[in-house]
């Protein structure tokens, strides 16, 4: 059976590497380094799930999420905001932008895996 595809959109190499190491045994992990690339890779690869950082250069995760969710072919793809934007109200704003779930950094690995499995089962 083919592995499910997860796109990790994060401008910080350390965060990308951490998530790749955590997920690569069970999932095919794709990478994008900013929101614009995240939108492009989502269109090209149609991943099963997107892990979206919100604070990034070029295009932030809020805008990238809005663009993905505005695309009829992509809007069904679950997006989990994984972000250091952990102030009161940030989760609400992330959900308003179209994120299906929210996880503050530093990443709780067990919580991340639980949320991913929840969407992909």
PDB file of N, CA and C in Angstrom:
ATOM      1  N   UNK A   1       0.843  -1.187   0.000  1.00  0.00           N
ATOM      2  CA  UNK A   1       0.000   0.000   0.000  1.00  0.00           C
ATOM      3  C   UNK A   1       0.884   1.246   0.000  1.00  0.00           C
ATOM      4  N   UNK A   2       0.535   2.201  -0.824  1.00  0.00           N
ATOM      5  CA  UNK A   2       1.331   3.431  -0.905  1.00  0.00           C
ATOM      6  C   UNK A   2       1.233   4.210   0.406  1.00  0.00           C
ATOM      7  N   UNK A   3       2.337   4.832   0.755  1.00  0.00           N
ATOM      8  CA  UNK A   3       2.344   5.659   1.959  1.00  0.00           C
ATOM      9  C   UNK A   3       1.520   6.918   1.718  1.00  0.00           C
ATOM     10  N   UNK A   4       0.850   7.393   2.749  1.00  0.00           N
ATOM     11  CA  UNK A   4       0.155   8.675   2.659  1.00  0.00           C
ATOM     12  C   UNK A   4       1.203   9.773   2.573  1.00  0.00           C
ATOM     13  N   UNK A   5       0.856  10.842   1.832  1.00  0.00           N
ATOM     14  CA  UNK A   5       1.776  11.965   1.633  1.00  0.00           C
ATOM     15  C   UNK A   5       1.441  13.106   2.582  1.00  0.00           C
ATOM     16  N   UNK A   6       2.467  13.605   3.260  1.00  0.00           N
ATOM     17  CA  UNK A   6       2.320  14.771   4.126  1.00  0.00           C
ATOM     18  C   UNK A   6       3.274  15.852   3.642  1.00  0.00           C
ATOM     19  N   UNK A   7       2.737  17.047   3.404  1.00  0.00           N
ATOM     20  CA  UNK A   7       3.554  18.190   3.015  1.00  0.00           C
ATOM     21  C   UNK A   7       3.853  19.025   4.256  1.00  0.00           C
ATOM     22  N   UNK A   8       5.138  19.247   4.519  1.00  0.00           N
ATOM     23  CA  UNK A   8       5.587  20.069   5.640  1.00  0.00           C
ATOM     24  C   UNK A   8       6.012  21.421   5.077  1.00  0.00           C
ATOM     25  N   UNK A   9       5.287  22.485   5.475  1.00  0.00           N
ATOM     26  CA  UNK A   9       5.598  23.837   5.005  1.00  0.00           C
ATOM     27  C   UNK A   9       6.151  24.616   6.196  1.00  0.00           C
ATOM     28  N   UNK A  10       7.465  24.853   6.182  1.00  0.00           N
ATOM     29  CA  UNK A  10       8.109  25.544   7.304  1.00  0.00           C
ATOM     30  C   UNK A  10       9.405  26.165   6.805  1.00  0.00           C
ATOM     31  N   UNK A  11       9.673  27.409   7.197  1.00  0.00           N
ATOM     32  CA  UNK A  11      10.891  28.074   6.734  1.00  0.00           C
ATOM     33  C   UNK A  11      12.112  27.711   7.577  1.00  0.00           C
ATOM     34  N   UNK A  12      11.914  27.054   8.721  1.00  0.00           N
ATOM     35  CA  UNK A  12      13.036  26.710   9.603  1.00  0.00           C
ATOM     36  C   UNK A  12      13.499  25.274   9.356  1.00  0.00           C
ATOM     37  N   UNK A  13      14.737  25.144   8.906  1.00  0.00           N
ATOM     38  CA  UNK A  13      15.284  23.825   8.562  1.00  0.00           C
ATOM     39  C   UNK A  13      15.222  22.869   9.754  1.00  0.00           C
ATOM     40  N   UNK A  14      15.518  23.384  10.956  1.00  0.00           N
ATOM     41  CA  UNK A  14      15.486  22.550  12.157  1.00  0.00           C
ATOM     42  C   UNK A  14      14.101  21.915  12.338  1.00  0.00           C
ATOM     43  N   UNK A  15      13.053  22.718  12.191  1.00  0.00           N
ATOM     44  CA  UNK A  15      11.686  22.210  12.357  1.00  0.00           C
ATOM     45  C   UNK A  15      11.334  21.193  11.285  1.00  0.00           C
ATOM     46  N   UNK A  16      11.738  21.489  10.038  1.00  0.00           N
ATOM     47  CA  UNK A  16      11.465  20.537   8.956  1.00  0.00           C
ATOM     48  C   UNK A  16      12.146  19.209   9.237  1.00  0.00           C
ATOM     49  N   UNK A  17      13.425  19.263   9.609  1.00  0.00           N
ATOM     50  CA  UNK A  17      14.179  18.034   9.860  1.00  0.00           C
ATOM     51  C   UNK A  17      13.554  17.213  10.981  1.00  0.00           C
ATOM     52  N   UNK A  18      13.128  17.887  12.025  1.00  0.00           N
ATOM     53  CA  UNK A  18      12.501  17.214  13.167  1.00  0.00           C
ATOM     54  C   UNK A  18      11.248  16.451  12.718  1.00  0.00           C
ATOM     55  N   UNK A  19      10.399  17.130  11.956  1.00  0.00           N
ATOM     56  CA  UNK A  19       9.142  16.519  11.512  1.00  0.00           C
ATOM     57  C   UNK A  19       9.413  15.394  10.518  1.00  0.00           C
ATOM     58  N   UNK A  20      10.372  15.600   9.619  1.00  0.00           N
ATOM     59  CA  UNK A  20      10.721  14.550   8.652  1.00  0.00           C
ATOM     60  C   UNK A  20      11.173  13.293   9.396  1.00  0.00           C
ATOM     61  N   UNK A  21      12.076  13.451  10.370  1.00  0.00           N
ATOM     62  CA  UNK A  21      12.561  12.291  11.125  1.00  0.00           C
ATOM     63  C   UNK A  21      11.426  11.582  11.844  1.00  0.00           C
ATOM     64  N   UNK A  22      10.488  12.359  12.339  1.00  0.00           N
ATOM     65  CA  UNK A  22       9.363  11.801  13.086  1.00  0.00           C
ATOM     66  C   UNK A  22       8.415  11.009  12.182  1.00  0.00           C
ATOM     67  N   UNK A  23       8.248  11.478  10.939  1.00  0.00           N
ATOM     68  CA  UNK A  23       7.196  10.939  10.075  1.00  0.00           C
ATOM     69  C   UNK A  23       7.671  10.018   8.958  1.00  0.00           C
ATOM     70  N   UNK A  24       8.967  10.073   8.582  1.00  0.00           N
ATOM     71  CA  UNK A  24       9.392   9.447   7.330  1.00  0.00           C
ATOM     72  C   UNK A  24       9.241   7.927   7.293  1.00  0.00           C
ATOM     73  N   UNK A  25       9.222   7.257   8.436  1.00  0.00           N
ATOM     74  CA  UNK A  25       9.058   5.803   8.409  1.00  0.00           C
ATOM     75  C   UNK A  25       7.646   5.418   7.983  1.00  0.00           C
ATOM     76  N   UNK A  26       6.673   6.228   8.381  1.00  0.00           N
ATOM     77  CA  UNK A  26       5.281   5.864   8.137  1.00  0.00           C
ATOM     78  C   UNK A  26       4.639   6.598   6.957  1.00  0.00           C
ATOM     79  N   UNK A  27       5.207   7.769   6.608  1.00  0.00           N
ATOM     80  CA  UNK A  27       4.597   8.605   5.576  1.00  0.00           C
ATOM     81  C   UNK A  27       5.633   9.051   4.549  1.00  0.00           C
ATOM     82  N   UNK A  28       5.145   9.395   3.354  1.00  0.00           N
ATOM     83  CA  UNK A  28       5.996  10.070   2.372  1.00  0.00           C
ATOM     84  C   UNK A  28       5.951  11.557   2.721  1.00  0.00           C
ATOM     85  N   UNK A  29       7.111  12.131   3.061  1.00  0.00           N
ATOM     86  CA  UNK A  29       7.145  13.515   3.531  1.00  0.00           C
ATOM     87  C   UNK A  29       7.694  14.425   2.441  1.00  0.00           C
ATOM     88  N   UNK A  30       6.910  15.439   2.088  1.00  0.00           N
ATOM     89  CA  UNK A  30       7.299  16.444   1.109  1.00  0.00           C
ATOM     90  C   UNK A  30       7.616  17.731   1.863  1.00  0.00           C
ATOM     91  N   UNK A  31       8.446  18.593   1.261  1.00  0.00           N
ATOM     92  CA  UNK A  31       8.916  19.803   1.937  1.00  0.00           C
ATOM     93  C   UNK A  31       8.620  21.041   1.087  1.00  0.00           C
ATOM     94  N   UNK A  32       8.232  22.119   1.768  1.00  0.00           N
ATOM     95  CA  UNK A  32       8.176  23.449   1.143  1.00  0.00           C
ATOM     96  C   UNK A  32       8.723  24.436   2.165  1.00  0.00           C
ATOM     97  N   UNK A  33       9.481  25.437   1.682  1.00  0.00           N
ATOM     98  CA  UNK A  33      10.183  26.329   2.612  1.00  0.00           C
ATOM     99  C   UNK A  33       9.478  27.668   2.830  1.00  0.00           C
ATOM    100  N   UNK A  34       8.361  27.903   2.122  1.00  0.00           N
ATOM    101  CA  UNK A  34       7.566  29.103   2.374  1.00  0.00           C
ATOM    102  C   UNK A  34       6.147  28.840   1.870  1.00  0.00           C
ATOM    103  N   UNK A  35       5.251  29.757   2.166  1.00  0.00           N
ATOM    104  CA  UNK A  35       3.849  29.548   1.818  1.00  0.00           C
ATOM    105  C   UNK A  35       3.591  29.440   0.334  1.00  0.00           C
ATOM    106  N   UNK A  36       4.301  30.248  -0.461  1.00  0.00           N
ATOM    107  CA  UNK A  36       4.105  30.208  -1.915  1.00  0.00           C
ATOM    108  C   UNK A  36       4.470  28.826  -2.467  1.00  0.00           C
ATOM    109  N   UNK A  37       5.609  28.301  -2.013  1.00  0.00           N
ATOM    110  CA  UNK A  37       6.015  26.963  -2.444  1.00  0.00           C
ATOM    111  C   UNK A  37       5.030  25.925  -1.898  1.00  0.00           C
ATOM    112  N   UNK A  38       4.510  26.166  -0.700  1.00  0.00           N
ATOM    113  CA  UNK A  38       3.534  25.254  -0.106  1.00  0.00           C
ATOM    114  C   UNK A  38       2.278  25.131  -0.955  1.00  0.00           C
ATOM    115  N   UNK A  39       1.788  26.270  -1.445  1.00  0.00           N
ATOM    116  CA  UNK A  39       0.603  26.257  -2.317  1.00  0.00           C
ATOM    117  C   UNK A  39       0.920  25.507  -3.602  1.00  0.00           C
ATOM    118  N   UNK A  40       2.075  25.813  -4.209  1.00  0.00           N
ATOM    119  CA  UNK A  40       2.479  25.181  -5.473  1.00  0.00           C
ATOM    120  C   UNK A  40       2.610  23.664  -5.309  1.00  0.00           C
ATOM    121  N   UNK A  41       3.281  23.235  -4.239  1.00  0.00           N
ATOM    122  CA  UNK A  41       3.480  21.790  -4.028  1.00  0.00           C
ATOM    123  C   UNK A  41       2.159  21.095  -3.725  1.00  0.00           C
ATOM    124  N   UNK A  42       1.252  21.791  -3.023  1.00  0.00           N
ATOM    125  CA  UNK A  42      -0.061  21.205  -2.753  1.00  0.00           C
ATOM    126  C   UNK A  42      -0.812  20.987  -4.064  1.00  0.00           C
ATOM    127  N   UNK A  43      -0.737  21.970  -4.966  1.00  0.00           N
ATOM    128  CA  UNK A  43      -1.389  21.832  -6.271  1.00  0.00           C
ATOM    129  C   UNK A  43      -0.785  20.684  -7.070  1.00  0.00           C
ATOM    130  N   UNK A  44       0.545  20.561  -7.047  1.00  0.00           N
ATOM    131  CA  UNK A  44       1.234  19.544  -7.845  1.00  0.00           C
ATOM    132  C   UNK A  44       1.094  18.137  -7.262  1.00  0.00           C
ATOM    133  N   UNK A  45       1.263  18.035  -5.954  1.00  0.00           N
ATOM    134  CA  UNK A  45       1.388  16.722  -5.320  1.00  0.00           C
ATOM    135  C   UNK A  45       0.086  16.201  -4.703  1.00  0.00           C
ATOM    136  N   UNK A  46      -0.864  17.098  -4.450  1.00  0.00           N
ATOM    137  CA  UNK A  46      -2.125  16.734  -3.781  1.00  0.00           C
ATOM    138  C   UNK A  46      -1.852  15.831  -2.559  1.00  0.00           C
ATOM    139  N   UNK A  47      -1.130  16.368  -1.560  1.00  0.00           N
ATOM    140  CA  UNK A  47      -0.818  15.537  -0.388  1.00  0.00           C
ATOM    141  C   UNK A  47      -2.080  15.170   0.389  1.00  0.00           C
ATOM    142  N   UNK A  48      -1.959  14.169   1.250  1.00  0.00           N
ATOM    143  CA  UNK A  48      -3.098  13.737   2.067  1.00  0.00           C
ATOM    144  C   UNK A  48      -3.313  14.670   3.255  1.00  0.00           C
ATOM    145  N   UNK A  49      -2.263  15.425   3.616  1.00  0.00           N
ATOM    146  CA  UNK A  49      -2.338  16.331   4.755  1.00  0.00           C
ATOM    147  C   UNK A  49      -1.212  17.351   4.636  1.00  0.00           C
ATOM    148  N   UNK A  50      -1.440  18.577   5.145  1.00  0.00           N
ATOM    149  CA  UNK A  50      -0.421  19.623   5.144  1.00  0.00           C
ATOM    150  C   UNK A  50      -0.174  20.069   6.583  1.00  0.00           C
ATOM    151  N   UNK A  51       1.103  20.132   6.960  1.00  0.00           N
ATOM    152  CA  UNK A  51       1.505  20.734   8.230  1.00  0.00           C
ATOM    153  C   UNK A  51       2.035  22.123   7.891  1.00  0.00           C
ATOM    154  N   UNK A  52       1.342  23.172   8.337  1.00  0.00           N
ATOM    155  CA  UNK A  52       1.603  24.533   7.884  1.00  0.00           C
ATOM    156  C   UNK A  52       2.112  25.418   9.015  1.00  0.00           C
ATOM    157  N   UNK A  53       3.349  25.888   8.857  1.00  0.00           N
ATOM    158  CA  UNK A  53       3.853  26.944   9.735  1.00  0.00           C
ATOM    159  C   UNK A  53       3.113  28.222   9.337  1.00  0.00           C
ATOM    160  N   UNK A  54       2.857  29.117  10.285  1.00  0.00           N
ATOM    161  CA  UNK A  54       2.118  30.331   9.942  1.00  0.00           C
ATOM    162  C   UNK A  54       3.028  31.528   9.687  1.00  0.00           C
ATOM    163  N   UNK A  55       4.138  31.629  10.417  1.00  0.00           N
ATOM    164  CA  UNK A  55       5.032  32.770  10.242  1.00  0.00           C
ATOM    165  C   UNK A  55       6.183  32.433   9.319  1.00  0.00           C
ATOM    166  N   UNK A  56       6.062  32.837   8.033  1.00  0.00           N
ATOM    167  CA  UNK A  56       7.111  32.536   7.053  1.00  0.00           C
ATOM    168  C   UNK A  56       7.296  33.711   6.107  1.00  0.00           C
ATOM    169  N   UNK A  57       8.489  33.791   5.477  1.00  0.00           N
ATOM    170  CA  UNK A  57       8.713  34.832   4.465  1.00  0.00           C
ATOM    171  C   UNK A  57       8.004  34.478   3.156  1.00  0.00           C
ATOM    172  N   UNK A  58       8.041  35.382   2.201  1.00  0.00           N
ATOM    173  CA  UNK A  58       7.446  35.272   0.864  1.00  0.00           C
ATOM    174  C   UNK A  58       5.925  35.275   0.957  1.00  0.00           C
ATOM    175  N   UNK A  59       5.338  34.204   1.498  1.00  0.00           N
ATOM    176  CA  UNK A  59       3.904  34.148   1.744  1.00  0.00           C
ATOM    177  C   UNK A  59       3.730  33.422   3.069  1.00  0.00           C
ATOM    178  N   UNK A  60       2.994  34.037   3.995  1.00  0.00           N
ATOM    179  CA  UNK A  60       2.832  33.385   5.296  1.00  0.00           C
ATOM    180  C   UNK A  60       1.826  32.232   5.217  1.00  0.00           C
ATOM    181  N   UNK A  61       1.780  31.463   6.284  1.00  0.00           N
ATOM    182  CA  UNK A  61       0.919  30.285   6.310  1.00  0.00           C
ATOM    183  C   UNK A  61      -0.566  30.616   6.316  1.00  0.00           C
ATOM    184  N   UNK A  62      -0.912  31.795   6.844  1.00  0.00           N
ATOM    185  CA  UNK A  62      -2.322  32.207   6.831  1.00  0.00           C
ATOM    186  C   UNK A  62      -2.803  32.315   5.388  1.00  0.00           C
ATOM    187  N   UNK A  63      -2.024  33.053   4.563  1.00  0.00           N
ATOM    188  CA  UNK A  63      -2.399  33.283   3.160  1.00  0.00           C
ATOM    189  C   UNK A  63      -2.320  31.980   2.359  1.00  0.00           C
ATOM    190  N   UNK A  64      -1.285  31.189   2.603  1.00  0.00           N
ATOM    191  CA  UNK A  64      -1.151  29.917   1.889  1.00  0.00           C
ATOM    192  C   UNK A  64      -2.357  29.016   2.183  1.00  0.00           C
ATOM    193  N   UNK A  65      -2.776  28.979   3.441  1.00  0.00           N
ATOM    194  CA  UNK A  65      -3.938  28.162   3.818  1.00  0.00           C
ATOM    195  C   UNK A  65      -5.193  28.662   3.109  1.00  0.00           C
ATOM    196  N   UNK A  66      -5.382  29.987   3.111  1.00  0.00           N
ATOM    197  CA  UNK A  66      -6.569  30.550   2.434  1.00  0.00           C
ATOM    198  C   UNK A  66      -6.579  30.168   0.957  1.00  0.00           C
ATOM    199  N   UNK A  67      -5.411  30.214   0.305  1.00  0.00           N
ATOM    200  CA  UNK A  67      -5.346  29.885  -1.133  1.00  0.00           C
ATOM    201  C   UNK A  67      -5.633  28.413  -1.393  1.00  0.00           C
ATOM    202  N   UNK A  68      -5.105  27.549  -0.553  1.00  0.00           N
ATOM    203  CA  UNK A  68      -5.359  26.104  -0.715  1.00  0.00           C
ATOM    204  C   UNK A  68      -6.844  25.819  -0.504  1.00  0.00           C
ATOM    205  N   UNK A  69      -7.418  26.397   0.542  1.00  0.00           N
ATOM    206  CA  UNK A  69      -8.829  26.126   0.865  1.00  0.00           C
ATOM    207  C   UNK A  69      -9.780  26.774  -0.143  1.00  0.00           C
ATOM    208  N   UNK A  70      -9.302  27.794  -0.881  1.00  0.00           N
ATOM    209  CA  UNK A  70     -10.134  28.445  -1.902  1.00  0.00           C
ATOM    210  C   UNK A  70     -10.165  27.642  -3.202  1.00  0.00           C
ATOM    211  N   UNK A  71      -9.259  26.654  -3.319  1.00  0.00           N
ATOM    212  CA  UNK A  71      -9.164  25.835  -4.531  1.00  0.00           C
ATOM    213  C   UNK A  71     -10.057  24.604  -4.363  1.00  0.00           C
ATOM    214  N   UNK A  72     -11.068  24.495  -5.197  1.00  0.00           N
ATOM    215  CA  UNK A  72     -12.031  23.403  -5.099  1.00  0.00           C
ATOM    216  C   UNK A  72     -11.407  22.016  -5.127  1.00  0.00           C
ATOM    217  N   UNK A  73     -10.279  21.871  -5.859  1.00  0.00           N
ATOM    218  CA  UNK A  73      -9.628  20.562  -5.952  1.00  0.00           C
ATOM    219  C   UNK A  73      -8.809  20.237  -4.708  1.00  0.00           C
ATOM    220  N   UNK A  74      -8.503  21.258  -3.891  1.00  0.00           N
ATOM    221  CA  UNK A  74      -7.597  21.065  -2.764  1.00  0.00           C
ATOM    222  C   UNK A  74      -8.249  21.256  -1.405  1.00  0.00           C
ATOM    223  N   UNK A  75      -9.435  21.871  -1.382  1.00  0.00           N
ATOM    224  CA  UNK A  75      -9.994  22.319  -0.102  1.00  0.00           C
ATOM    225  C   UNK A  75     -10.294  21.181   0.873  1.00  0.00           C
ATOM    226  N   UNK A  76     -10.401  19.948   0.355  1.00  0.00           N
ATOM    227  CA  UNK A  76     -10.656  18.791   1.231  1.00  0.00           C
ATOM    228  C   UNK A  76      -9.412  18.346   2.004  1.00  0.00           C
ATOM    229  N   UNK A  77      -8.228  18.834   1.580  1.00  0.00           N
ATOM    230  CA  UNK A  77      -6.973  18.395   2.214  1.00  0.00           C
ATOM    231  C   UNK A  77      -6.868  19.026   3.600  1.00  0.00           C
ATOM    232  N   UNK A  78      -6.748  18.211   4.658  1.00  0.00           N
ATOM    233  CA  UNK A  78      -6.638  18.786   6.000  1.00  0.00           C
ATOM    234  C   UNK A  78      -5.320  19.546   6.179  1.00  0.00           C
ATOM    235  N   UNK A  79      -5.408  20.692   6.832  1.00  0.00           N
ATOM    236  CA  UNK A  79      -4.228  21.506   7.129  1.00  0.00           C
ATOM    237  C   UNK A  79      -4.143  21.675   8.639  1.00  0.00           C
ATOM    238  N   UNK A  80      -3.010  21.270   9.202  1.00  0.00           N
ATOM    239  CA  UNK A  80      -2.760  21.475  10.629  1.00  0.00           C
ATOM    240  C   UNK A  80      -1.741  22.604  10.758  1.00  0.00           C
ATOM    241  N   UNK A  81      -2.134  23.680  11.426  1.00  0.00           N
ATOM    242  CA  UNK A  81      -1.185  24.761  11.708  1.00  0.00           C
ATOM    243  C   UNK A  81      -0.224  24.264  12.782  1.00  0.00           C
ATOM    244  N   UNK A  82       1.069  24.323  12.494  1.00  0.00           N
ATOM    245  CA  UNK A  82       2.101  23.952  13.472  1.00  0.00           C
ATOM    246  C   UNK A  82       2.951  25.204  13.618  1.00  0.00           C
ATOM    247  N   UNK A  83       2.781  25.906  14.747  1.00  0.00           N
ATOM    248  CA  UNK A  83       3.296  27.272  14.759  1.00  0.00           C
ATOM    249  C   UNK A  83       3.724  27.761  16.131  1.00  0.00           C
ATOM    250  N   UNK A  84       4.652  28.710  16.108  1.00  0.00           N
ATOM    251  CA  UNK A  84       5.038  29.360  17.356  1.00  0.00           C
ATOM    252  C   UNK A  84       4.097  30.532  17.653  1.00  0.00           C
ATOM    253  N   UNK A  85       3.138  30.792  16.749  1.00  0.00           N
ATOM    254  CA  UNK A  85       2.092  31.775  17.033  1.00  0.00           C
ATOM    255  C   UNK A  85       1.131  31.126  18.026  1.00  0.00           C
ATOM    256  N   UNK A  86       1.440  31.251  19.303  1.00  0.00           N
ATOM    257  CA  UNK A  86       0.655  30.546  20.319  1.00  0.00           C
ATOM    258  C   UNK A  86       0.038  31.526  21.317  1.00  0.00           C
ATOM    259  N   UNK A  87      -0.275  32.713  20.845  1.00  0.00           N
ATOM    260  CA  UNK A  87      -0.929  33.702  21.697  1.00  0.00           C
ATOM    261  C   UNK A  87      -2.424  33.417  21.726  1.00  0.00           C
ATOM    262  N   UNK A  88      -3.086  33.980  22.706  1.00  0.00           N
ATOM    263  CA  UNK A  88      -4.544  33.854  22.776  1.00  0.00           C
ATOM    264  C   UNK A  88      -5.121  34.401  21.472  1.00  0.00           C
ATOM    265  N   UNK A  89      -6.008  33.664  20.861  1.00  0.00           N
ATOM    266  CA  UNK A  89      -6.627  34.106  19.622  1.00  0.00           C
ATOM    267  C   UNK A  89      -5.971  33.550  18.375  1.00  0.00           C
ATOM    268  N   UNK A  90      -4.709  33.125  18.457  1.00  0.00           N
ATOM    269  CA  UNK A  90      -4.026  32.629  17.257  1.00  0.00           C
ATOM    270  C   UNK A  90      -4.679  31.361  16.705  1.00  0.00           C
ATOM    271  N   UNK A  91      -5.117  30.476  17.608  1.00  0.00           N
ATOM    272  CA  UNK A  91      -5.779  29.257  17.113  1.00  0.00           C
ATOM    273  C   UNK A  91      -7.073  29.619  16.388  1.00  0.00           C
ATOM    274  N   UNK A  92      -7.812  30.586  16.924  1.00  0.00           N
ATOM    275  CA  UNK A  92      -9.060  31.025  16.282  1.00  0.00           C
ATOM    276  C   UNK A  92      -8.749  31.595  14.895  1.00  0.00           C
ATOM    277  N   UNK A  93      -7.716  32.448  14.809  1.00  0.00           N
ATOM    278  CA  UNK A  93      -7.345  33.037  13.516  1.00  0.00           C
ATOM    279  C   UNK A  93      -6.897  31.954  12.529  1.00  0.00           C
ATOM    280  N   UNK A  94      -6.159  30.958  13.020  1.00  0.00           N
ATOM    281  CA  UNK A  94      -5.704  29.868  12.155  1.00  0.00           C
ATOM    282  C   UNK A  94      -6.905  29.109  11.590  1.00  0.00           C
ATOM    283  N   UNK A  95      -7.877  28.852  12.447  1.00  0.00           N
ATOM    284  CA  UNK A  95      -9.079  28.138  11.984  1.00  0.00           C
ATOM    285  C   UNK A  95      -9.894  29.000  11.025  1.00  0.00           C
ATOM    286  N   UNK A  96      -9.942  30.304  11.287  1.00  0.00           N
ATOM    287  CA  UNK A  96     -10.658  31.208  10.375  1.00  0.00           C
ATOM    288  C   UNK A  96      -9.995  31.233   8.997  1.00  0.00           C
ATOM    289  N   UNK A  97      -8.672  31.106   8.962  1.00  0.00           N
ATOM    290  CA  UNK A  97      -7.946  31.088   7.684  1.00  0.00           C
ATOM    291  C   UNK A  97      -8.193  29.779   6.936  1.00  0.00           C
ATOM    292  N   UNK A  98      -8.686  28.758   7.642  1.00  0.00           N
ATOM    293  CA  UNK A  98      -8.998  27.492   6.992  1.00  0.00           C
ATOM    294  C   UNK A  98      -8.283  26.289   7.577  1.00  0.00           C
ATOM    295  N   UNK A  99      -7.435  26.495   8.583  1.00  0.00           N
ATOM    296  CA  UNK A  99      -6.743  25.350   9.189  1.00  0.00           C
ATOM    297  C   UNK A  99      -7.758  24.441   9.876  1.00  0.00           C
ATOM    298  N   UNK A 100      -7.561  23.144   9.715  1.00  0.00           N
ATOM    299  CA  UNK A 100      -8.468  22.160  10.301  1.00  0.00           C
ATOM    300  C   UNK A 100      -8.092  21.823  11.732  1.00  0.00           C
ATOM    301  N   UNK A 101      -6.851  22.097  12.105  1.00  0.00           N
ATOM    302  CA  UNK A 101      -6.395  21.838  13.469  1.00  0.00           C
ATOM    303  C   UNK A 101      -5.192  22.725  13.733  1.00  0.00           C
ATOM    304  N   UNK A 102      -4.697  22.670  14.957  1.00  0.00           N
ATOM    305  CA  UNK A 102      -3.701  23.643  15.415  1.00  0.00           C
ATOM    306  C   UNK A 102      -2.818  22.979  16.449  1.00  0.00           C
ATOM    307  N   UNK A 103      -1.504  23.181  16.319  1.00  0.00           N
ATOM    308  CA  UNK A 103      -0.563  22.632  17.287  1.00  0.00           C
ATOM    309  C   UNK A 103       0.532  23.666  17.527  1.00  0.00           C
ATOM    310  N   UNK A 104       0.673  24.144  18.771  1.00  0.00           N
ATOM    311  CA  UNK A 104       1.725  25.138  19.038  1.00  0.00           C
ATOM    312  C   UNK A 104       3.101  24.484  19.084  1.00  0.00           C
ATOM    313  N   UNK A 105       4.135  25.288  18.756  1.00  0.00           N
ATOM    314  CA  UNK A 105       5.529  24.861  18.924  1.00  0.00           C
ATOM    315  C   UNK A 105       5.958  25.299  20.320  1.00  0.00           C
ATOM    316  N   UNK A 106       6.923  24.651  20.962  1.00  0.00           N
ATOM    317  CA  UNK A 106       7.618  23.464  20.447  1.00  0.00           C
ATOM    318  C   UNK A 106       6.657  22.281  20.299  1.00  0.00           C
ATOM    319  N   UNK A 107       6.912  21.479  19.292  1.00  0.00           N
ATOM    320  CA  UNK A 107       6.004  20.397  18.924  1.00  0.00           C
ATOM    321  C   UNK A 107       5.992  19.296  19.972  1.00  0.00           C
ATOM    322  N   UNK A 108       4.796  18.949  20.404  1.00  0.00           N
ATOM    323  CA  UNK A 108       4.589  17.748  21.219  1.00  0.00           C
ATOM    324  C   UNK A 108       4.435  16.604  20.211  1.00  0.00           C
ATOM    325  N   UNK A 109       5.475  15.760  20.110  1.00  0.00           N
ATOM    326  CA  UNK A 109       5.505  14.739  19.052  1.00  0.00           C
ATOM    327  C   UNK A 109       4.322  13.775  19.130  1.00  0.00           C
ATOM    328  N   UNK A 110       3.957  13.362  20.337  1.00  0.00           N
ATOM    329  CA  UNK A 110       2.828  12.429  20.482  1.00  0.00           C
ATOM    330  C   UNK A 110       1.519  13.074  20.054  1.00  0.00           C
ATOM    331  N   UNK A 111       1.357  14.337  20.396  1.00  0.00           N
ATOM    332  CA  UNK A 111       0.149  15.064  20.016  1.00  0.00           C
ATOM    333  C   UNK A 111       0.092  15.248  18.498  1.00  0.00           C
ATOM    334  N   UNK A 112       1.236  15.557  17.884  1.00  0.00           N
ATOM    335  CA  UNK A 112       1.286  15.708  16.427  1.00  0.00           C
ATOM    336  C   UNK A 112       0.887  14.402  15.749  1.00  0.00           C
ATOM    337  N   UNK A 113       1.468  13.290  16.193  1.00  0.00           N
ATOM    338  CA  UNK A 113       1.147  11.987  15.588  1.00  0.00           C
ATOM    339  C   UNK A 113      -0.326  11.633  15.785  1.00  0.00           C
ATOM    340  N   UNK A 114      -0.859  11.964  16.943  1.00  0.00           N
ATOM    341  CA  UNK A 114      -2.274  11.685  17.215  1.00  0.00           C
ATOM    342  C   UNK A 114      -3.170  12.478  16.256  1.00  0.00           C
ATOM    343  N   UNK A 115      -2.849  13.762  16.078  1.00  0.00           N
ATOM    344  CA  UNK A 115      -3.660  14.609  15.190  1.00  0.00           C
ATOM    345  C   UNK A 115      -3.571  14.119  13.734  1.00  0.00           C
ATOM    346  N   UNK A 116      -2.368  13.755  13.296  1.00  0.00           N
ATOM    347  CA  UNK A 116      -2.187  13.262  11.926  1.00  0.00           C
ATOM    348  C   UNK A 116      -3.006  11.987  11.714  1.00  0.00           C
ATOM    349  N   UNK A 117      -2.869  11.047  12.627  1.00  0.00           N
ATOM    350  CA  UNK A 117      -3.613   9.773  12.501  1.00  0.00           C
ATOM    351  C   UNK A 117      -5.113  10.028  12.485  1.00  0.00           C
ATOM    352  N   UNK A 118      -5.565  10.989  13.278  1.00  0.00           N
ATOM    353  CA  UNK A 118      -6.961  11.342  13.349  1.00  0.00           C
ATOM    354  C   UNK A 118      -7.502  11.733  11.966  1.00  0.00           C
ATOM    355  N   UNK A 119      -6.713  12.510  11.214  1.00  0.00           N
ATOM    356  CA  UNK A 119      -7.143  12.969   9.884  1.00  0.00           C
ATOM    357  C   UNK A 119      -6.956  11.908   8.807  1.00  0.00           C
ATOM    358  N   UNK A 120      -5.970  11.037   8.966  1.00  0.00           N
ATOM    359  CA  UNK A 120      -5.609  10.137   7.870  1.00  0.00           C
ATOM    360  C   UNK A 120      -6.155   8.727   7.986  1.00  0.00           C
ATOM    361  N   UNK A 121      -6.880   8.420   9.045  1.00  0.00           N
ATOM    362  CA  UNK A 121      -7.365   7.041   9.167  1.00  0.00           C
ATOM    363  C   UNK A 121      -8.566   6.784   8.256  1.00  0.00           C
TER     364      UNK A 121
END
